N, C-alpha and C. Protein backbone atom coordinates (compact mmCIF):
# COMPACT_ATOMS: atom_id res chain seq x y z
N MET A 1 -6.76 -19.34 -9.55
CA MET A 1 -7.79 -20.35 -9.05
C MET A 1 -7.63 -19.39 -7.60
N LEU A 2 -8.78 -19.23 -6.74
CA LEU A 2 -8.74 -18.65 -5.05
C LEU A 2 -8.32 -20.14 -4.48
N ASP A 3 -7.80 -19.50 -3.20
CA ASP A 3 -7.38 -20.74 -2.81
C ASP A 3 -8.84 -20.88 -1.81
N VAL A 4 -8.91 -21.84 -0.95
CA VAL A 4 -10.08 -22.18 -0.36
C VAL A 4 -10.35 -21.53 0.74
N ARG A 5 -9.68 -21.23 1.16
CA ARG A 5 -9.97 -19.95 2.70
C ARG A 5 -10.83 -19.17 2.49
N LEU A 6 -10.04 -18.09 0.94
CA LEU A 6 -10.72 -17.23 0.32
C LEU A 6 -11.91 -17.77 -0.18
N MET A 7 -12.01 -18.59 -0.17
CA MET A 7 -13.40 -18.57 -1.26
C MET A 7 -14.47 -19.17 -0.25
N LYS A 8 -14.25 -19.67 1.05
CA LYS A 8 -15.13 -20.08 1.69
C LYS A 8 -15.73 -18.81 2.70
N THR A 9 -14.59 -17.51 2.87
CA THR A 9 -14.51 -16.45 3.68
C THR A 9 -15.50 -15.96 2.52
N LEU A 10 -16.03 -15.59 1.24
CA LEU A 10 -16.25 -15.05 0.24
C LEU A 10 -17.99 -15.63 0.53
N SER A 11 -17.96 -16.95 0.65
CA SER A 11 -19.22 -17.59 0.74
C SER A 11 -20.02 -17.26 1.89
N ARG A 12 -19.14 -17.21 3.04
CA ARG A 12 -19.68 -16.61 4.46
C ARG A 12 -20.16 -14.88 4.11
N VAL A 13 -19.52 -14.27 3.80
CA VAL A 13 -19.77 -12.88 3.72
C VAL A 13 -21.20 -12.79 2.88
N ALA A 14 -21.19 -13.39 1.82
CA ALA A 14 -22.55 -13.31 0.90
C ALA A 14 -23.55 -14.07 1.80
N ALA A 15 -23.40 -15.34 2.27
CA ALA A 15 -24.56 -15.70 3.22
C ALA A 15 -25.08 -14.44 4.24
N PHE A 16 -24.09 -14.26 4.98
CA PHE A 16 -24.33 -12.80 5.84
C PHE A 16 -24.91 -11.60 5.09
N TYR A 17 -24.91 -11.51 3.73
CA TYR A 17 -25.31 -10.33 3.58
C TYR A 17 -26.94 -10.83 2.89
N ASP A 18 -26.82 -11.32 2.11
CA ASP A 18 -28.09 -12.32 1.39
C ASP A 18 -29.31 -12.50 2.86
N GLY A 19 -28.50 -12.89 4.15
CA GLY A 19 -29.72 -13.05 4.66
C GLY A 19 -29.90 -11.62 5.46
N ARG A 20 -29.81 -10.41 4.51
CA ARG A 20 -30.35 -9.01 5.13
C ARG A 20 -30.77 -8.15 3.96
N LYS A 21 -31.44 -8.85 3.61
CA LYS A 21 -31.60 -8.30 1.91
C LYS A 21 -32.59 -7.45 1.89
N VAL A 22 -32.82 -6.15 1.25
CA VAL A 22 -33.99 -5.61 0.82
C VAL A 22 -34.84 -5.82 -0.45
N GLY A 23 -36.05 -6.19 -0.23
CA GLY A 23 -36.75 -6.80 -1.87
C GLY A 23 -37.87 -5.84 -1.99
N ASP A 24 -38.48 -6.80 -2.90
CA ASP A 24 -39.60 -5.45 -3.70
C ASP A 24 -40.81 -5.42 -2.47
N VAL A 25 -41.23 -5.84 -1.75
CA VAL A 25 -42.38 -5.57 -0.41
C VAL A 25 -41.84 -4.55 0.66
N GLY A 26 -43.19 -4.09 0.84
CA GLY A 26 -43.16 -2.89 2.24
C GLY A 26 -42.69 -1.83 1.70
N HIS A 27 -42.32 -1.11 2.98
CA HIS A 27 -42.28 0.32 2.65
C HIS A 27 -40.98 1.05 2.39
N LEU A 28 -40.04 -0.35 2.01
CA LEU A 28 -38.63 0.21 1.34
C LEU A 28 -38.63 -0.96 -0.12
N GLY A 29 -39.98 -1.13 -0.63
CA GLY A 29 -40.14 -2.10 -1.83
C GLY A 29 -38.87 -1.23 -2.88
N PHE A 30 -38.76 -0.10 -3.22
CA PHE A 30 -38.38 0.68 -3.93
C PHE A 30 -36.35 0.38 -3.91
N ARG A 31 -36.70 0.07 -2.92
CA ARG A 31 -34.95 -0.13 -2.91
C ARG A 31 -34.43 -2.12 -2.87
N ARG A 32 -33.70 -2.84 -3.74
CA ARG A 32 -33.53 -4.19 -3.71
C ARG A 32 -31.85 -4.32 -3.80
N SER A 33 -31.53 -5.17 -3.01
CA SER A 33 -30.23 -5.41 -2.77
C SER A 33 -29.34 -6.49 -3.63
N THR A 34 -28.38 -6.28 -4.40
CA THR A 34 -27.86 -7.03 -5.02
C THR A 34 -27.87 -9.01 -4.25
N HIS A 35 -28.08 -9.76 -5.09
CA HIS A 35 -28.22 -10.97 -4.24
C HIS A 35 -26.34 -11.61 -4.55
N LEU A 36 -25.89 -11.62 -3.47
CA LEU A 36 -23.91 -12.14 -3.18
C LEU A 36 -23.94 -13.35 -3.70
N GLY A 37 -24.81 -13.77 -3.13
CA GLY A 37 -24.71 -15.75 -3.98
C GLY A 37 -24.69 -15.45 -5.36
N ALA A 38 -25.65 -14.97 -5.99
CA ALA A 38 -25.51 -15.07 -7.57
C ALA A 38 -24.45 -14.03 -8.07
N LEU A 39 -24.00 -13.52 -7.66
CA LEU A 39 -22.66 -12.47 -8.00
C LEU A 39 -21.85 -13.44 -7.76
N LEU A 40 -21.63 -14.27 -6.72
CA LEU A 40 -20.01 -15.18 -6.93
C LEU A 40 -20.24 -16.42 -7.71
N GLY A 41 -21.61 -16.74 -8.15
CA GLY A 41 -21.89 -17.76 -9.23
C GLY A 41 -21.35 -17.24 -10.45
N GLY A 42 -21.13 -15.85 -10.97
CA GLY A 42 -19.96 -15.55 -12.28
C GLY A 42 -18.78 -15.07 -12.11
N LEU A 43 -18.07 -15.65 -10.72
CA LEU A 43 -17.21 -14.95 -10.35
C LEU A 43 -15.88 -15.74 -11.19
N ASP A 44 -16.00 -16.88 -11.49
CA ASP A 44 -14.95 -17.87 -11.89
C ASP A 44 -14.76 -17.23 -13.30
N LEU A 45 -15.89 -17.02 -14.06
CA LEU A 45 -15.92 -16.25 -15.48
C LEU A 45 -15.28 -14.89 -15.66
N LEU A 46 -15.64 -14.48 -14.22
CA LEU A 46 -14.84 -12.69 -14.23
C LEU A 46 -13.46 -12.97 -13.68
N LEU A 47 -12.95 -13.95 -12.88
CA LEU A 47 -11.50 -14.34 -13.39
C LEU A 47 -10.55 -14.38 -14.15
N HIS A 48 -11.74 -15.71 -15.05
CA HIS A 48 -10.91 -15.87 -16.42
C HIS A 48 -11.10 -15.24 -17.16
N GLU A 49 -11.77 -14.69 -17.17
CA GLU A 49 -11.95 -13.61 -18.16
C GLU A 49 -10.71 -12.46 -18.13
N LYS A 50 -10.16 -12.10 -17.06
CA LYS A 50 -9.50 -10.77 -16.41
C LYS A 50 -10.61 -9.64 -16.09
N VAL A 51 -11.91 -9.64 -16.40
CA VAL A 51 -12.57 -8.50 -15.63
C VAL A 51 -12.04 -8.18 -14.56
N LEU A 52 -11.64 -9.39 -13.42
CA LEU A 52 -11.05 -8.92 -12.41
C LEU A 52 -10.18 -9.86 -12.09
N VAL A 53 -9.05 -9.07 -11.38
CA VAL A 53 -7.42 -9.38 -11.40
C VAL A 53 -7.17 -9.16 -10.24
N PRO A 54 -7.08 -10.21 -9.24
CA PRO A 54 -7.04 -10.16 -8.09
C PRO A 54 -5.91 -8.83 -7.87
N GLY A 55 -5.82 -7.81 -6.95
CA GLY A 55 -4.83 -7.45 -6.27
C GLY A 55 -4.38 -6.11 -7.32
N GLU A 56 -5.52 -5.97 -8.53
CA GLU A 56 -4.87 -5.11 -9.27
C GLU A 56 -6.04 -4.62 -9.96
N THR A 57 -7.26 -4.60 -9.73
CA THR A 57 -8.39 -4.02 -10.53
C THR A 57 -9.32 -2.83 -9.43
N CYS A 58 -9.63 -2.04 -9.96
CA CYS A 58 -9.85 -0.86 -9.22
C CYS A 58 -11.59 -0.86 -9.90
N PHE A 59 -12.27 -1.06 -8.26
CA PHE A 59 -13.18 -1.09 -8.20
C PHE A 59 -14.53 -0.43 -8.04
N LEU A 60 -15.29 0.24 -8.82
CA LEU A 60 -16.73 1.08 -8.53
C LEU A 60 -17.84 0.52 -9.03
N ASP A 61 -18.18 0.99 -7.28
CA ASP A 61 -19.85 0.32 -7.41
C ASP A 61 -20.67 1.72 -7.47
N MET A 62 -21.71 1.90 -8.52
CA MET A 62 -22.07 3.24 -8.78
C MET A 62 -23.52 3.33 -8.07
N GLY A 63 -24.00 3.51 -7.18
CA GLY A 63 -24.78 3.44 -6.05
C GLY A 63 -24.51 1.89 -5.15
N CYS A 64 -23.78 2.56 -4.05
CA CYS A 64 -23.57 0.77 -3.38
C CYS A 64 -24.29 0.52 -2.53
N ALA A 65 -25.43 1.46 -2.17
CA ALA A 65 -26.51 1.29 -0.59
C ALA A 65 -25.68 0.99 0.53
N ASP A 66 -25.71 -0.08 1.06
CA ASP A 66 -25.01 -0.41 2.34
C ASP A 66 -23.60 -1.13 2.09
N GLY A 67 -23.43 -0.56 1.18
CA GLY A 67 -21.49 -1.57 0.36
C GLY A 67 -21.60 -2.95 0.67
N ARG A 68 -22.36 -3.49 0.49
CA ARG A 68 -21.91 -5.21 0.76
C ARG A 68 -21.40 -5.51 -0.64
N VAL A 69 -21.76 -5.26 -1.75
CA VAL A 69 -20.74 -5.57 -2.79
C VAL A 69 -19.60 -5.23 -3.03
N ASN A 70 -19.22 -3.94 -2.36
CA ASN A 70 -18.01 -3.45 -2.11
C ASN A 70 -17.05 -4.32 -1.00
N VAL A 71 -17.67 -4.78 0.23
CA VAL A 71 -16.98 -5.72 1.08
C VAL A 71 -16.62 -6.91 0.19
N LEU A 72 -17.69 -7.38 -0.44
CA LEU A 72 -17.16 -8.75 -1.18
C LEU A 72 -16.27 -8.75 -2.15
N LEU A 73 -16.36 -7.70 -3.07
CA LEU A 73 -15.17 -7.45 -3.56
C LEU A 73 -13.92 -7.22 -3.35
N SER A 74 -14.02 -6.26 -2.01
CA SER A 74 -12.69 -5.91 -1.58
C SER A 74 -11.93 -6.93 -1.19
N TYR A 75 -11.56 -8.31 -1.22
CA TYR A 75 -11.38 -9.52 -1.16
C TYR A 75 -10.43 -9.84 -2.50
N LEU A 76 -11.10 -9.42 -3.55
CA LEU A 76 -10.25 -9.62 -4.87
C LEU A 76 -9.65 -8.72 -5.67
N VAL A 77 -9.86 -7.49 -5.13
CA VAL A 77 -9.42 -5.90 -5.68
C VAL A 77 -8.66 -5.35 -5.17
N LYS A 78 -7.80 -3.98 -5.75
CA LYS A 78 -6.85 -3.25 -5.32
C LYS A 78 -7.52 -2.52 -4.66
N THR A 79 -8.66 -1.81 -5.41
CA THR A 79 -9.34 -0.81 -3.98
C THR A 79 -10.62 -0.96 -4.36
N SER A 80 -11.94 -0.88 -3.43
CA SER A 80 -12.88 -0.95 -3.46
C SER A 80 -13.81 0.05 -2.99
N VAL A 81 -14.41 1.32 -4.39
CA VAL A 81 -14.63 2.27 -3.64
C VAL A 81 -16.91 2.38 -4.19
N GLY A 82 -17.38 2.87 -3.55
CA GLY A 82 -18.57 2.65 -3.64
C GLY A 82 -19.30 4.18 -3.65
N ILE A 83 -20.25 4.74 -4.23
CA ILE A 83 -20.94 6.10 -4.57
C ILE A 83 -22.18 5.51 -3.87
N GLU A 84 -23.22 5.89 -2.95
CA GLU A 84 -24.28 5.98 -2.88
C GLU A 84 -25.00 7.59 -2.36
N ILE A 85 -26.06 7.59 -2.86
CA ILE A 85 -26.80 9.10 -2.81
C ILE A 85 -27.71 9.01 -1.40
N ASP A 86 -27.91 8.15 -1.01
CA ASP A 86 -29.00 8.11 0.32
C ASP A 86 -28.01 8.47 1.35
N ASP A 87 -28.12 9.24 1.87
CA ASP A 87 -27.46 9.32 3.38
C ASP A 87 -27.96 7.94 4.60
N TRP A 88 -29.09 7.94 4.52
CA TRP A 88 -29.99 6.90 5.28
C TRP A 88 -29.69 5.76 5.27
N ILE A 89 -29.18 5.34 3.52
CA ILE A 89 -28.50 4.16 3.50
C ILE A 89 -27.12 3.52 3.64
N LEU A 90 -26.51 4.73 3.25
CA LEU A 90 -25.15 4.44 3.26
C LEU A 90 -24.77 4.36 5.09
N GLU A 91 -25.58 4.79 5.72
CA GLU A 91 -25.37 4.75 7.24
C GLU A 91 -25.22 3.50 7.88
N GLU A 92 -26.16 2.65 7.15
CA GLU A 92 -26.23 1.14 7.49
C GLU A 92 -24.79 0.34 7.01
N TYR A 93 -23.67 1.07 6.18
CA TYR A 93 -22.67 0.22 6.00
C TYR A 93 -21.83 -0.19 7.30
N GLU A 94 -21.80 0.61 8.33
CA GLU A 94 -20.62 0.64 9.25
C GLU A 94 -21.17 -0.42 10.35
N PRO A 95 -22.49 -0.06 10.56
CA PRO A 95 -23.15 -1.46 11.87
C PRO A 95 -23.17 -2.66 10.90
N LEU A 96 -23.45 -2.75 9.94
CA LEU A 96 -23.63 -4.11 9.10
C LEU A 96 -22.04 -4.75 8.84
N LYS A 97 -21.08 -4.20 8.51
CA LYS A 97 -19.67 -4.50 8.34
C LYS A 97 -19.26 -5.24 9.86
N ARG A 98 -19.76 -4.18 11.14
CA ARG A 98 -19.22 -4.76 12.68
C ARG A 98 -19.70 -5.65 12.83
N ALA A 99 -21.10 -5.92 12.10
CA ALA A 99 -21.27 -7.37 12.69
C ALA A 99 -20.82 -8.75 12.29
N LEU A 100 -20.35 -8.13 10.58
CA LEU A 100 -20.14 -9.17 10.30
C LEU A 100 -18.20 -9.49 10.63
N VAL A 101 -17.71 -8.97 10.72
CA VAL A 101 -16.45 -9.37 11.34
C VAL A 101 -16.59 -9.77 12.57
N GLU A 102 -17.82 -9.07 13.44
CA GLU A 102 -17.72 -10.26 14.80
C GLU A 102 -17.97 -11.83 14.32
N ILE A 103 -18.74 -11.97 13.40
CA ILE A 103 -19.13 -13.29 13.07
C ILE A 103 -17.89 -14.18 12.30
N LEU A 104 -16.69 -13.50 11.29
CA LEU A 104 -15.85 -13.65 10.64
C LEU A 104 -14.48 -14.01 12.01
N LEU A 105 -14.64 -13.16 12.78
CA LEU A 105 -13.86 -13.36 13.88
C LEU A 105 -13.66 -14.85 14.48
N ALA A 106 -15.25 -14.40 14.90
CA ALA A 106 -15.76 -15.92 16.01
C ALA A 106 -15.36 -17.45 14.91
N GLU A 107 -15.65 -17.01 13.39
CA GLU A 107 -15.68 -18.57 12.93
C GLU A 107 -14.51 -18.51 12.21
N GLY A 108 -13.57 -17.82 12.79
CA GLY A 108 -12.07 -17.99 11.50
C GLY A 108 -11.81 -17.82 10.18
N PHE A 109 -12.60 -17.03 9.62
CA PHE A 109 -12.94 -16.60 8.34
C PHE A 109 -11.59 -15.26 8.55
N LEU A 110 -11.51 -14.61 6.93
CA LEU A 110 -10.32 -13.82 6.31
C LEU A 110 -11.64 -12.62 7.21
N LEU A 111 -10.89 -11.60 7.31
CA LEU A 111 -11.53 -10.26 7.67
C LEU A 111 -11.14 -9.32 6.11
N PRO A 112 -12.34 -8.49 6.10
CA PRO A 112 -12.33 -7.58 4.89
C PRO A 112 -10.81 -6.74 4.82
N PRO A 113 -10.27 -6.69 3.28
CA PRO A 113 -9.23 -5.70 3.51
C PRO A 113 -9.45 -4.23 3.60
N ASP A 114 -8.88 -3.39 4.12
CA ASP A 114 -8.51 -2.10 4.60
C ASP A 114 -8.45 -1.28 3.09
N ASN A 115 -9.45 -1.58 2.36
CA ASN A 115 -8.96 -1.05 0.81
C ASN A 115 -10.99 -0.67 0.66
N ILE A 116 -11.61 -0.23 1.10
CA ILE A 116 -12.90 0.30 0.85
C ILE A 116 -12.75 1.69 0.93
N ASP A 117 -13.68 2.44 -0.01
CA ASP A 117 -13.89 3.80 0.42
C ASP A 117 -15.17 3.54 0.12
N LEU A 118 -16.52 4.46 0.84
CA LEU A 118 -17.86 4.75 0.23
C LEU A 118 -17.68 6.35 0.52
N PHE A 119 -18.36 7.13 -0.66
CA PHE A 119 -18.59 8.06 -0.61
C PHE A 119 -20.53 8.69 -0.82
N LEU A 120 -20.75 9.41 0.00
CA LEU A 120 -22.17 10.16 -0.13
C LEU A 120 -22.05 10.84 -1.38
N GLY A 121 -22.94 10.89 -2.12
CA GLY A 121 -23.31 11.76 -3.27
C GLY A 121 -24.29 11.28 -4.76
N ASP A 122 -23.77 12.24 -5.89
CA ASP A 122 -24.58 11.62 -6.77
C ASP A 122 -23.38 11.39 -7.94
N THR A 123 -23.40 9.69 -8.20
CA THR A 123 -22.75 9.39 -9.38
C THR A 123 -22.59 10.19 -10.34
N LEU A 124 -23.63 10.96 -10.96
CA LEU A 124 -23.60 11.55 -12.22
C LEU A 124 -23.09 13.17 -11.55
N GLU A 125 -22.97 13.69 -10.54
CA GLU A 125 -22.02 14.94 -10.43
C GLU A 125 -20.63 14.51 -10.41
N GLU A 126 -19.99 15.84 -11.23
CA GLU A 126 -18.42 16.04 -10.71
C GLU A 126 -18.21 15.84 -9.53
N GLU A 127 -19.05 16.63 -8.43
CA GLU A 127 -18.37 16.64 -6.89
C GLU A 127 -18.04 15.41 -6.47
N VAL A 128 -18.70 14.68 -6.59
CA VAL A 128 -18.24 13.42 -6.11
C VAL A 128 -17.21 12.75 -6.72
N HIS A 129 -17.13 12.58 -7.53
CA HIS A 129 -15.69 12.20 -8.04
C HIS A 129 -14.36 12.89 -7.82
N GLU A 130 -14.75 14.26 -7.81
CA GLU A 130 -13.75 15.23 -7.16
C GLU A 130 -12.93 14.32 -5.89
N LYS A 131 -14.55 14.49 -4.76
CA LYS A 131 -14.36 13.92 -3.34
C LYS A 131 -13.28 12.44 -3.70
N VAL A 132 -13.70 11.65 -4.39
CA VAL A 132 -13.11 10.47 -5.06
C VAL A 132 -11.38 10.43 -4.86
N LEU A 133 -11.30 11.33 -6.03
CA LEU A 133 -9.97 11.41 -6.68
C LEU A 133 -9.11 12.30 -5.36
N GLN A 134 -9.63 12.66 -4.53
CA GLN A 134 -8.96 13.43 -3.72
C GLN A 134 -8.61 12.44 -2.16
N SER A 135 -9.93 11.60 -2.07
CA SER A 135 -9.51 10.68 -0.99
C SER A 135 -8.34 8.97 -1.32
N THR A 136 -8.65 8.90 -2.75
CA THR A 136 -7.89 7.74 -3.38
C THR A 136 -6.67 7.84 -4.42
N ARG A 137 -6.94 9.32 -4.80
CA ARG A 137 -6.24 9.28 -5.81
C ARG A 137 -6.40 8.90 -7.36
N LEU A 138 -7.54 8.52 -7.09
CA LEU A 138 -8.17 7.79 -8.50
C LEU A 138 -9.21 8.43 -9.20
N PRO A 139 -8.59 9.10 -10.49
CA PRO A 139 -9.78 9.97 -11.00
C PRO A 139 -10.88 8.74 -11.47
N PHE A 140 -11.98 9.13 -12.43
CA PHE A 140 -13.00 8.11 -13.08
C PHE A 140 -12.00 6.96 -14.29
N GLU A 141 -11.14 7.91 -14.81
CA GLU A 141 -10.68 7.06 -15.43
C GLU A 141 -9.90 6.24 -15.08
N ALA A 142 -9.29 6.34 -13.65
CA ALA A 142 -8.82 5.02 -13.52
C ALA A 142 -8.77 3.53 -13.17
N PHE A 143 -10.42 3.88 -13.05
CA PHE A 143 -11.60 2.20 -13.05
C PHE A 143 -11.31 1.07 -13.81
N ASP A 144 -10.99 0.31 -12.83
CA ASP A 144 -11.00 -0.75 -14.34
C ASP A 144 -12.60 -1.66 -14.54
N LEU A 145 -13.24 -1.83 -13.04
CA LEU A 145 -14.54 -2.31 -13.39
C LEU A 145 -15.88 -1.29 -12.69
N PHE A 146 -16.66 -1.21 -13.20
CA PHE A 146 -18.06 -0.58 -12.70
C PHE A 146 -18.97 -1.33 -12.70
N TYR A 147 -19.62 -1.00 -11.93
CA TYR A 147 -20.93 -1.75 -11.48
C TYR A 147 -22.01 -1.34 -10.95
N THR A 148 -23.14 -1.52 -11.20
CA THR A 148 -24.98 -1.19 -10.61
C THR A 148 -25.73 -2.20 -10.61
N TYR A 149 -26.40 -1.91 -9.31
CA TYR A 149 -27.75 -2.64 -9.52
C TYR A 149 -28.86 -2.02 -10.92
N LEU A 150 -29.85 -2.91 -11.13
CA LEU A 150 -30.14 -2.34 -12.36
C LEU A 150 -30.82 -0.45 -12.17
N THR A 151 -31.35 -0.51 -11.26
CA THR A 151 -31.66 1.23 -11.70
C THR A 151 -30.22 2.21 -11.86
N MET A 152 -31.07 3.31 -12.76
CA MET A 152 -30.38 3.97 -13.72
C MET A 152 -29.29 3.04 -14.58
N TYR A 153 -29.21 2.28 -14.94
CA TYR A 153 -27.77 1.89 -15.37
C TYR A 153 -27.57 2.54 -16.81
N GLN A 154 -28.57 3.10 -17.69
CA GLN A 154 -28.78 3.61 -18.58
C GLN A 154 -27.70 4.75 -18.08
N GLU A 155 -28.01 5.85 -17.53
CA GLU A 155 -27.33 7.07 -17.21
C GLU A 155 -25.89 6.82 -16.40
N PHE A 156 -25.91 5.36 -16.36
CA PHE A 156 -24.38 5.05 -15.59
C PHE A 156 -23.45 4.51 -16.90
N ALA A 157 -24.40 4.10 -17.83
CA ALA A 157 -23.33 3.47 -19.03
C ALA A 157 -23.15 4.79 -19.71
N ASP A 158 -23.80 5.69 -19.78
CA ASP A 158 -23.40 7.03 -20.65
C ASP A 158 -22.26 7.71 -20.27
N LEU A 159 -22.30 7.50 -18.96
CA LEU A 159 -20.90 8.11 -18.15
C LEU A 159 -19.33 7.26 -18.63
N ILE A 160 -20.03 5.98 -18.24
CA ILE A 160 -18.96 5.06 -18.85
C ILE A 160 -18.32 5.41 -19.89
N ALA A 161 -19.48 5.42 -20.71
CA ALA A 161 -19.12 5.49 -22.64
C ALA A 161 -18.22 6.91 -22.57
N LYS A 162 -18.59 7.89 -21.73
CA LYS A 162 -17.96 8.95 -22.50
C LYS A 162 -16.69 9.30 -21.38
N ARG A 163 -16.61 8.99 -20.35
CA ARG A 163 -15.44 9.17 -19.54
C ARG A 163 -14.41 8.13 -19.19
N ALA A 164 -14.65 6.69 -19.16
CA ALA A 164 -13.72 5.79 -18.56
C ALA A 164 -13.05 5.72 -20.04
N ARG A 165 -11.86 5.12 -19.94
CA ARG A 165 -10.91 4.53 -20.88
C ARG A 165 -11.29 3.33 -21.33
N ALA A 166 -10.85 2.96 -22.60
CA ALA A 166 -11.19 1.90 -23.23
C ALA A 166 -10.71 0.51 -22.62
N GLY A 167 -11.72 -0.48 -22.70
CA GLY A 167 -11.30 -1.60 -22.07
C GLY A 167 -11.94 -1.95 -20.66
N THR A 168 -12.33 -1.08 -20.42
CA THR A 168 -12.67 -1.28 -19.33
C THR A 168 -14.03 -1.88 -19.23
N HIS A 169 -14.91 -2.30 -18.12
CA HIS A 169 -16.38 -3.71 -17.77
C HIS A 169 -16.87 -2.25 -16.99
N PHE A 170 -18.45 -2.68 -17.63
CA PHE A 170 -19.47 -2.70 -17.03
C PHE A 170 -20.01 -3.57 -16.40
N LEU A 171 -20.54 -4.21 -15.16
CA LEU A 171 -21.52 -5.59 -14.70
C LEU A 171 -22.70 -4.61 -13.89
N ILE A 172 -23.95 -5.05 -14.85
CA ILE A 172 -24.72 -4.88 -14.21
C ILE A 172 -25.57 -6.03 -13.85
N TYR A 173 -25.91 -5.83 -12.34
CA TYR A 173 -26.85 -6.79 -12.18
C TYR A 173 -28.84 -6.83 -12.12
N GLY A 174 -29.34 -7.81 -11.95
CA GLY A 174 -30.76 -7.42 -12.63
C GLY A 174 -31.49 -7.65 -13.65
N LEU A 175 -30.78 -7.56 -14.78
CA LEU A 175 -31.26 -7.97 -16.27
C LEU A 175 -31.78 -9.23 -16.50
N ASP A 176 -32.42 -9.05 -17.19
CA ASP A 176 -33.15 -10.50 -17.68
C ASP A 176 -32.82 -10.72 -19.03
N LEU A 177 -33.66 -11.44 -19.67
CA LEU A 177 -32.91 -12.07 -21.34
C LEU A 177 -33.34 -11.05 -22.19
N ILE A 178 -33.99 -10.31 -22.08
CA ILE A 178 -33.44 -8.78 -23.11
C ILE A 178 -32.68 -8.35 -22.87
N LEU A 179 -31.65 -8.24 -23.05
CA LEU A 179 -30.59 -7.14 -23.06
C LEU A 179 -30.28 -5.90 -23.74
N PRO A 180 -30.14 -4.89 -23.33
CA PRO A 180 -30.17 -3.40 -23.69
C PRO A 180 -28.74 -3.38 -24.50
N ARG A 181 -29.13 -2.64 -25.55
CA ARG A 181 -28.11 -2.05 -26.13
C ARG A 181 -27.22 -0.53 -25.43
N LEU A 182 -26.20 -0.74 -25.13
CA LEU A 182 -25.55 0.89 -24.51
C LEU A 182 -24.57 1.55 -25.36
N ARG A 183 -25.15 2.58 -25.74
CA ARG A 183 -24.57 3.22 -26.92
C ARG A 183 -23.05 3.64 -26.21
N GLY A 184 -21.51 3.35 -27.00
CA GLY A 184 -20.46 3.27 -26.64
C GLY A 184 -19.92 1.60 -25.79
N LEU A 185 -20.97 1.13 -25.68
CA LEU A 185 -20.54 0.20 -24.71
C LEU A 185 -20.63 -1.08 -25.37
N THR A 186 -20.21 -2.44 -25.45
CA THR A 186 -19.84 -3.67 -26.48
C THR A 186 -20.68 -4.84 -25.28
N LEU A 187 -21.69 -5.51 -25.57
CA LEU A 187 -21.92 -6.85 -24.63
C LEU A 187 -20.83 -7.94 -24.68
N VAL A 188 -20.76 -8.39 -23.68
CA VAL A 188 -19.54 -8.90 -23.89
C VAL A 188 -20.58 -10.11 -22.76
N GLN A 189 -21.80 -10.53 -23.52
CA GLN A 189 -22.72 -11.66 -22.39
C GLN A 189 -22.10 -12.68 -22.89
N ASP A 190 -22.04 -13.78 -21.33
CA ASP A 190 -22.18 -15.27 -21.69
C ASP A 190 -23.16 -15.98 -20.74
N PRO A 191 -23.78 -17.00 -21.39
CA PRO A 191 -25.13 -17.83 -20.24
C PRO A 191 -24.52 -17.74 -19.15
N ARG A 192 -23.50 -18.22 -19.01
CA ARG A 192 -23.42 -18.77 -17.37
C ARG A 192 -23.25 -17.43 -16.33
N LEU A 193 -23.22 -16.00 -16.97
CA LEU A 193 -23.39 -15.17 -16.06
C LEU A 193 -24.73 -14.41 -16.10
N LEU A 194 -25.83 -14.69 -17.01
CA LEU A 194 -26.63 -14.26 -17.41
C LEU A 194 -27.67 -14.99 -16.17
N GLU A 195 -27.64 -16.58 -16.19
CA GLU A 195 -28.21 -17.43 -15.35
C GLU A 195 -28.13 -16.53 -14.04
N ASN A 196 -27.02 -16.06 -13.80
CA ASN A 196 -26.44 -14.97 -12.31
C ASN A 196 -27.37 -13.84 -12.62
N LYS A 197 -27.70 -13.66 -13.32
CA LYS A 197 -28.72 -12.16 -13.14
C LYS A 197 -27.37 -10.82 -13.39
N LEU A 198 -26.46 -11.31 -14.42
CA LEU A 198 -25.69 -10.26 -14.49
C LEU A 198 -25.31 -10.29 -15.78
N ALA A 199 -25.40 -8.56 -16.36
CA ALA A 199 -24.86 -8.42 -17.67
C ALA A 199 -23.44 -7.88 -17.47
N LEU A 200 -22.74 -8.31 -18.90
CA LEU A 200 -21.24 -7.62 -18.54
C LEU A 200 -20.95 -6.59 -19.98
N TYR A 201 -20.68 -5.60 -19.86
CA TYR A 201 -20.35 -4.66 -21.35
C TYR A 201 -18.65 -4.15 -20.78
N ARG A 202 -18.22 -3.76 -22.24
CA ARG A 202 -16.76 -3.29 -22.59
C ARG A 202 -16.94 -2.39 -23.23
N LYS A 203 -16.29 -1.10 -22.70
CA LYS A 203 -16.13 0.28 -23.17
C LYS A 203 -15.10 0.04 -24.49
N GLU A 204 -15.07 0.16 -25.26
CA GLU A 204 -14.46 0.25 -26.62
C GLU A 204 -13.30 1.56 -26.54
């Protein structure tokens, strides 16, 4: 069970980023943002099932965009790593985080821990994983929880099935009632997660 101040902080972080979402319309219509409020809705289950272990889990967002999921989960994990292929999207991370920190300071909330590392590159290329290893000392096999918004989930699932260690989890945001089979991964779906647009798979 998370303490009250932490939960209030997580809610404030989610509200900040959810007020700055990119959706389906306009010139950036191809780019969509995770609704952090929905992600928070599945948090109790992820904690209860020990998919997330506070202070221990190593988290990798494969397509982290502006780093919003990394910031939210930084409060709960040991290390929060993200990879983004588009430099102009990744450049939004720092100004958004600075604006968030100002609000958190002014309103008396907890600040994000210093455990976030974001990298520019293609998640499917070995070069970026070498960068992650050199900077964090974490090989791909050391991560416990992988995450992505719906885009390219199949390719990322193949990478996890090939390289991740057994028992790790893959959380996908944006799936609906029909959940795909992913080769080498087992669906550990719970209706409470699906209500929040989340699907959870485990590497066997």
